[in-house]
Amino acid sequence: MKSYKIFIGFAALFGISAVVIGALSAHASGNGFTAEAIQRIDTGLKYQFHHIAALLAVGVLSSLHRNFDSLMLKISGIAFILGIFLFSASLYAYAYTGNEIFGKITPFGGLSLILGWLFLFFFSFRR
């Protein structure tokens, strides 16, 4: 399977999950969630939606450069996938369970998102 299809497919799955999580969290305050838990969910959703757009961009760029198999784009896409999962999913897990161990995973997701942007930047200067 071509990498651009994988990146676009993951963006779609992350989009579906963000809408579902957003819809469920809209009713969270009535279900005993604290303000902190709702804030964690909102932060996770914000970052997830922003990086879905970045992942889509990587997928589109990859599809335009099929003959130019860019390692920088692949690393960027993989970093965005990993970052969305680690960052947003850890915040959702923390919000839903209250287990602080999930909060310790979040910075690794943030680092992965930063790396995704960094490799996209490197791609922009390719020959």
N, C-alpha and C. Protein backbone atom coordinates (compact mmCIF):
# COMPACT_ATOMS: atom_id res chain seq x y z
N MET A 1 0.85 -1.18 0.00
CA MET A 1 0.00 0.00 0.00
C MET A 1 0.89 1.24 0.00
N LYS A 2 0.50 2.22 -0.74
CA LYS A 2 1.26 3.46 -0.85
C LYS A 2 1.14 4.26 0.45
N SER A 3 2.23 4.95 0.82
CA SER A 3 2.26 5.67 2.10
C SER A 3 1.20 6.75 2.16
N TYR A 4 0.92 7.42 1.04
CA TYR A 4 -0.07 8.50 1.11
C TYR A 4 -1.45 7.97 1.48
N LYS A 5 -1.78 6.76 1.05
CA LYS A 5 -3.08 6.17 1.41
C LYS A 5 -3.13 5.84 2.91
N ILE A 6 -2.00 5.40 3.43
CA ILE A 6 -1.93 5.10 4.87
C ILE A 6 -2.13 6.38 5.68
N PHE A 7 -1.45 7.46 5.27
CA PHE A 7 -1.56 8.72 6.01
C PHE A 7 -2.98 9.29 5.93
N ILE A 8 -3.58 9.25 4.76
CA ILE A 8 -4.94 9.76 4.61
C ILE A 8 -5.93 8.86 5.36
N GLY A 9 -5.69 7.55 5.33
CA GLY A 9 -6.55 6.63 6.08
C GLY A 9 -6.49 6.87 7.58
N PHE A 10 -5.29 7.06 8.11
CA PHE A 10 -5.16 7.36 9.54
C PHE A 10 -5.81 8.70 9.87
N ALA A 11 -5.66 9.69 9.00
CA ALA A 11 -6.30 10.99 9.24
C ALA A 11 -7.81 10.82 9.32
N ALA A 12 -8.36 10.00 8.44
CA ALA A 12 -9.81 9.75 8.48
C ALA A 12 -10.23 9.05 9.77
N LEU A 13 -9.46 8.02 10.18
CA LEU A 13 -9.79 7.32 11.43
C LEU A 13 -9.68 8.25 12.64
N PHE A 14 -8.62 9.08 12.65
CA PHE A 14 -8.48 10.03 13.75
C PHE A 14 -9.61 11.06 13.71
N GLY A 15 -10.06 11.42 12.52
CA GLY A 15 -11.18 12.36 12.39
C GLY A 15 -12.46 11.77 12.96
N ILE A 16 -12.73 10.52 12.60
CA ILE A 16 -13.91 9.83 13.13
C ILE A 16 -13.85 9.77 14.64
N SER A 17 -12.70 9.35 15.17
CA SER A 17 -12.59 9.21 16.63
C SER A 17 -12.71 10.56 17.33
N ALA A 18 -12.19 11.62 16.72
CA ALA A 18 -12.29 12.95 17.34
C ALA A 18 -13.75 13.40 17.42
N VAL A 19 -14.51 13.15 16.37
CA VAL A 19 -15.92 13.54 16.39
C VAL A 19 -16.68 12.74 17.44
N VAL A 20 -16.41 11.45 17.52
CA VAL A 20 -17.08 10.60 18.52
C VAL A 20 -16.71 11.04 19.94
N ILE A 21 -15.42 11.23 20.18
CA ILE A 21 -14.97 11.66 21.51
C ILE A 21 -15.55 13.04 21.86
N GLY A 22 -15.58 13.94 20.87
CA GLY A 22 -16.15 15.26 21.10
C GLY A 22 -17.63 15.18 21.44
N ALA A 23 -18.35 14.32 20.74
CA ALA A 23 -19.78 14.17 21.02
C ALA A 23 -20.01 13.58 22.41
N LEU A 24 -19.21 12.58 22.76
CA LEU A 24 -19.35 11.98 24.09
C LEU A 24 -18.96 12.95 25.20
N SER A 25 -17.93 13.73 24.96
CA SER A 25 -17.47 14.65 26.00
C SER A 25 -18.41 15.85 26.16
N ALA A 26 -19.24 16.10 25.17
CA ALA A 26 -20.21 17.18 25.30
C ALA A 26 -21.19 16.90 26.45
N HIS A 27 -21.33 15.63 26.78
CA HIS A 27 -22.23 15.24 27.88
C HIS A 27 -21.47 14.85 29.14
N ALA A 28 -20.15 15.07 29.13
CA ALA A 28 -19.30 14.62 30.23
C ALA A 28 -19.59 15.33 31.54
N SER A 29 -19.87 16.64 31.49
CA SER A 29 -20.07 17.37 32.74
C SER A 29 -21.29 16.87 33.50
N GLY A 30 -22.26 16.34 32.79
CA GLY A 30 -23.44 15.78 33.44
C GLY A 30 -23.21 14.38 33.97
N ASN A 31 -22.06 13.80 33.66
CA ASN A 31 -21.76 12.44 34.08
C ASN A 31 -20.66 12.37 35.14
N GLY A 32 -20.47 13.44 35.88
CA GLY A 32 -19.53 13.43 36.98
C GLY A 32 -18.10 13.74 36.62
N PHE A 33 -17.83 14.21 35.42
CA PHE A 33 -16.47 14.58 35.05
C PHE A 33 -16.11 15.91 35.70
N THR A 34 -14.88 16.02 36.13
CA THR A 34 -14.41 17.27 36.72
C THR A 34 -14.09 18.27 35.60
N ALA A 35 -13.95 19.52 35.99
CA ALA A 35 -13.57 20.56 35.03
C ALA A 35 -12.18 20.25 34.45
N GLU A 36 -11.29 19.72 35.27
CA GLU A 36 -9.94 19.35 34.79
C GLU A 36 -10.01 18.24 33.76
N ALA A 37 -10.86 17.25 33.98
CA ALA A 37 -11.00 16.14 33.03
C ALA A 37 -11.55 16.64 31.71
N ILE A 38 -12.53 17.51 31.76
CA ILE A 38 -13.11 18.08 30.53
C ILE A 38 -12.07 18.91 29.80
N GLN A 39 -11.24 19.64 30.54
CA GLN A 39 -10.17 20.43 29.92
C GLN A 39 -9.16 19.53 29.23
N ARG A 40 -8.84 18.39 29.83
CA ARG A 40 -7.91 17.43 29.21
C ARG A 40 -8.48 16.90 27.90
N ILE A 41 -9.77 16.57 27.91
CA ILE A 41 -10.42 16.09 26.69
C ILE A 41 -10.40 17.18 25.62
N ASP A 42 -10.74 18.40 26.00
CA ASP A 42 -10.73 19.51 25.04
C ASP A 42 -9.34 19.74 24.45
N THR A 43 -8.31 19.67 25.29
CA THR A 43 -6.93 19.84 24.80
C THR A 43 -6.58 18.71 23.82
N GLY A 44 -6.91 17.49 24.18
CA GLY A 44 -6.66 16.36 23.29
C GLY A 44 -7.36 16.51 21.95
N LEU A 45 -8.62 16.95 21.99
CA LEU A 45 -9.37 17.15 20.74
C LEU A 45 -8.77 18.27 19.90
N LYS A 46 -8.38 19.35 20.54
CA LYS A 46 -7.80 20.48 19.79
C LYS A 46 -6.54 20.04 19.06
N TYR A 47 -5.65 19.39 19.78
CA TYR A 47 -4.41 18.93 19.15
C TYR A 47 -4.68 17.85 18.11
N GLN A 48 -5.63 16.98 18.39
CA GLN A 48 -5.95 15.93 17.43
C GLN A 48 -6.46 16.53 16.12
N PHE A 49 -7.40 17.45 16.18
CA PHE A 49 -7.93 18.05 14.96
C PHE A 49 -6.86 18.82 14.19
N HIS A 50 -6.02 19.58 14.89
CA HIS A 50 -4.96 20.32 14.20
C HIS A 50 -4.00 19.38 13.49
N HIS A 51 -3.66 18.29 14.12
CA HIS A 51 -2.68 17.39 13.53
C HIS A 51 -3.29 16.42 12.53
N ILE A 52 -4.60 16.27 12.55
CA ILE A 52 -5.28 15.56 11.46
C ILE A 52 -5.06 16.35 10.17
N ALA A 53 -5.18 17.66 10.24
CA ALA A 53 -4.94 18.50 9.06
C ALA A 53 -3.50 18.35 8.58
N ALA A 54 -2.56 18.31 9.51
CA ALA A 54 -1.15 18.14 9.13
C ALA A 54 -0.94 16.77 8.48
N LEU A 55 -1.55 15.74 9.04
CA LEU A 55 -1.42 14.40 8.49
C LEU A 55 -2.04 14.32 7.09
N LEU A 56 -3.17 14.96 6.91
CA LEU A 56 -3.77 15.03 5.57
C LEU A 56 -2.83 15.73 4.59
N ALA A 57 -2.20 16.80 5.04
CA ALA A 57 -1.25 17.52 4.17
C ALA A 57 -0.10 16.61 3.78
N VAL A 58 0.40 15.83 4.73
CA VAL A 58 1.48 14.89 4.42
C VAL A 58 1.00 13.87 3.40
N GLY A 59 -0.23 13.38 3.57
CA GLY A 59 -0.78 12.42 2.62
C GLY A 59 -0.92 13.00 1.23
N VAL A 60 -1.41 14.23 1.14
CA VAL A 60 -1.56 14.88 -0.17
C VAL A 60 -0.20 15.13 -0.79
N LEU A 61 0.74 15.65 0.00
CA LEU A 61 2.10 15.87 -0.52
C LEU A 61 2.72 14.56 -1.00
N SER A 62 2.51 13.49 -0.26
CA SER A 62 3.04 12.19 -0.65
C SER A 62 2.42 11.72 -1.96
N SER A 63 1.13 11.97 -2.14
CA SER A 63 0.48 11.54 -3.38
C SER A 63 0.98 12.34 -4.58
N LEU A 64 1.36 13.58 -4.37
CA LEU A 64 1.87 14.42 -5.45
C LEU A 64 3.31 14.05 -5.82
N HIS A 65 4.00 13.40 -4.91
CA HIS A 65 5.41 13.05 -5.11
C HIS A 65 5.59 11.54 -5.17
N ARG A 66 4.69 10.86 -5.86
CA ARG A 66 4.76 9.39 -5.93
C ARG A 66 6.08 8.91 -6.52
N ASN A 67 6.58 9.65 -7.47
CA ASN A 67 7.86 9.25 -8.08
C ASN A 67 9.04 9.65 -7.21
N PHE A 68 8.80 10.55 -6.28
CA PHE A 68 9.85 10.99 -5.37
C PHE A 68 9.48 10.45 -3.99
N ASP A 69 10.01 9.30 -3.67
CA ASP A 69 9.67 8.62 -2.43
C ASP A 69 10.39 9.32 -1.28
N SER A 70 9.74 10.27 -0.67
CA SER A 70 10.40 11.12 0.32
C SER A 70 10.43 10.50 1.71
N LEU A 71 11.62 10.21 2.18
CA LEU A 71 11.81 9.70 3.53
C LEU A 71 11.35 10.73 4.56
N MET A 72 11.60 12.02 4.28
CA MET A 72 11.20 13.07 5.22
C MET A 72 9.67 13.09 5.41
N LEU A 73 8.93 12.93 4.32
CA LEU A 73 7.46 12.91 4.43
C LEU A 73 7.00 11.67 5.20
N LYS A 74 7.62 10.54 4.93
CA LYS A 74 7.22 9.32 5.64
C LYS A 74 7.47 9.46 7.14
N ILE A 75 8.64 9.96 7.50
CA ILE A 75 8.95 10.14 8.92
C ILE A 75 7.98 11.14 9.54
N SER A 76 7.70 12.22 8.81
CA SER A 76 6.75 13.21 9.31
C SER A 76 5.38 12.59 9.56
N GLY A 77 4.88 11.84 8.59
CA GLY A 77 3.57 11.21 8.75
C GLY A 77 3.53 10.22 9.90
N ILE A 78 4.56 9.41 10.01
CA ILE A 78 4.63 8.44 11.11
C ILE A 78 4.69 9.16 12.46
N ALA A 79 5.46 10.24 12.52
CA ALA A 79 5.56 11.01 13.77
C ALA A 79 4.21 11.64 14.14
N PHE A 80 3.48 12.14 13.13
CA PHE A 80 2.15 12.70 13.42
C PHE A 80 1.19 11.62 13.91
N ILE A 81 1.21 10.45 13.29
CA ILE A 81 0.34 9.35 13.73
C ILE A 81 0.66 8.97 15.17
N LEU A 82 1.94 8.75 15.43
CA LEU A 82 2.36 8.38 16.79
C LEU A 82 2.04 9.50 17.78
N GLY A 83 2.29 10.74 17.39
CA GLY A 83 2.05 11.88 18.26
C GLY A 83 0.58 12.06 18.60
N ILE A 84 -0.29 11.94 17.59
CA ILE A 84 -1.73 12.06 17.85
C ILE A 84 -2.16 10.99 18.83
N PHE A 85 -1.69 9.77 18.57
CA PHE A 85 -2.08 8.67 19.45
C PHE A 85 -1.57 8.88 20.86
N LEU A 86 -0.28 9.13 21.00
CA LEU A 86 0.30 9.26 22.35
C LEU A 86 -0.22 10.50 23.08
N PHE A 87 -0.28 11.64 22.38
CA PHE A 87 -0.67 12.88 23.04
C PHE A 87 -2.16 12.88 23.38
N SER A 88 -2.99 12.77 22.35
CA SER A 88 -4.43 12.89 22.58
C SER A 88 -4.99 11.70 23.34
N ALA A 89 -4.60 10.49 22.94
CA ALA A 89 -5.15 9.31 23.62
C ALA A 89 -4.76 9.26 25.09
N SER A 90 -3.54 9.71 25.41
CA SER A 90 -3.15 9.71 26.82
C SER A 90 -3.97 10.73 27.62
N LEU A 91 -4.29 11.86 26.99
CA LEU A 91 -5.13 12.84 27.68
C LEU A 91 -6.55 12.31 27.88
N TYR A 92 -7.08 11.62 26.87
CA TYR A 92 -8.42 11.03 27.02
C TYR A 92 -8.42 9.98 28.12
N ALA A 93 -7.40 9.12 28.11
CA ALA A 93 -7.31 8.07 29.13
C ALA A 93 -7.19 8.67 30.53
N TYR A 94 -6.39 9.72 30.64
CA TYR A 94 -6.23 10.41 31.93
C TYR A 94 -7.57 11.00 32.37
N ALA A 95 -8.27 11.63 31.45
CA ALA A 95 -9.56 12.25 31.79
C ALA A 95 -10.59 11.20 32.21
N TYR A 96 -10.63 10.07 31.51
CA TYR A 96 -11.65 9.06 31.78
C TYR A 96 -11.33 8.20 33.00
N THR A 97 -10.03 8.00 33.27
CA THR A 97 -9.68 7.12 34.39
C THR A 97 -9.19 7.86 35.63
N GLY A 98 -8.63 9.06 35.43
CA GLY A 98 -8.03 9.79 36.53
C GLY A 98 -6.65 9.25 36.90
N ASN A 99 -6.15 8.25 36.18
CA ASN A 99 -4.86 7.65 36.46
C ASN A 99 -3.74 8.55 35.92
N GLU A 100 -2.92 9.05 36.83
CA GLU A 100 -1.87 10.00 36.46
C GLU A 100 -0.78 9.41 35.57
N ILE A 101 -0.67 8.10 35.51
CA ILE A 101 0.36 7.49 34.65
C ILE A 101 0.14 7.90 33.19
N PHE A 102 -1.11 8.10 32.79
CA PHE A 102 -1.39 8.51 31.41
C PHE A 102 -0.86 9.92 31.14
N GLY A 103 -0.86 10.76 32.16
CA GLY A 103 -0.32 12.12 32.02
C GLY A 103 1.18 12.12 31.78
N LYS A 104 1.84 11.05 32.20
CA LYS A 104 3.30 10.96 31.99
C LYS A 104 3.64 10.56 30.55
N ILE A 105 2.68 10.02 29.81
CA ILE A 105 2.88 9.63 28.41
C ILE A 105 2.72 10.84 27.48
N THR A 106 1.89 11.79 27.87
CA THR A 106 1.54 12.93 27.02
C THR A 106 2.75 13.67 26.45
N PRO A 107 3.78 13.98 27.24
CA PRO A 107 4.93 14.70 26.67
C PRO A 107 5.62 13.96 25.53
N PHE A 108 5.61 12.63 25.56
CA PHE A 108 6.21 11.86 24.47
C PHE A 108 5.41 12.07 23.17
N GLY A 109 4.09 12.18 23.33
CA GLY A 109 3.26 12.49 22.17
C GLY A 109 3.55 13.87 21.64
N GLY A 110 3.73 14.82 22.55
CA GLY A 110 4.07 16.18 22.14
C GLY A 110 5.39 16.23 21.40
N LEU A 111 6.37 15.48 21.89
CA LEU A 111 7.66 15.42 21.22
C LEU A 111 7.52 14.83 19.82
N SER A 112 6.72 13.81 19.69
CA SER A 112 6.49 13.19 18.38
C SER A 112 5.82 14.17 17.42
N LEU A 113 4.87 14.96 17.91
CA LEU A 113 4.23 15.98 17.06
C LEU A 113 5.24 17.02 16.60
N ILE A 114 6.11 17.42 17.51
CA ILE A 114 7.16 18.39 17.14
C ILE A 114 8.06 17.79 16.06
N LEU A 115 8.42 16.52 16.22
CA LEU A 115 9.25 15.86 15.22
C LEU A 115 8.53 15.78 13.87
N GLY A 116 7.23 15.56 13.90
CA GLY A 116 6.46 15.56 12.65
C GLY A 116 6.59 16.87 11.92
N TRP A 117 6.46 17.97 12.64
CA TRP A 117 6.61 19.30 12.03
C TRP A 117 8.04 19.53 11.57
N LEU A 118 9.00 19.07 12.35
CA LEU A 118 10.40 19.26 12.00
C LEU A 118 10.74 18.54 10.69
N PHE A 119 10.29 17.30 10.54
CA PHE A 119 10.58 16.56 9.31
C PHE A 119 9.78 17.12 8.12
N LEU A 120 8.62 17.67 8.37
CA LEU A 120 7.90 18.36 7.29
C LEU A 120 8.68 19.60 6.86
N PHE A 121 9.27 20.28 7.81
CA PHE A 121 10.14 21.43 7.52
C PHE A 121 11.34 20.98 6.69
N PHE A 122 11.98 19.88 7.10
CA PHE A 122 13.12 19.36 6.34
C PHE A 122 12.71 19.01 4.90
N PHE A 123 11.52 18.44 4.76
CA PHE A 123 11.02 18.10 3.42
C PHE A 123 10.92 19.32 2.53
N SER A 124 10.56 20.45 3.13
CA SER A 124 10.38 21.66 2.34
C SER A 124 11.67 22.15 1.71
N PHE A 125 12.81 21.68 2.21
CA PHE A 125 14.11 22.09 1.67
C PHE A 125 14.79 20.98 0.86
N ARG A 126 14.02 19.96 0.52
CA ARG A 126 14.60 18.86 -0.25
C ARG A 126 14.99 19.35 -1.64
N ARG A 127 15.84 18.59 -2.28
CA ARG A 127 16.28 18.94 -3.64
C ARG A 127 15.35 18.35 -4.66
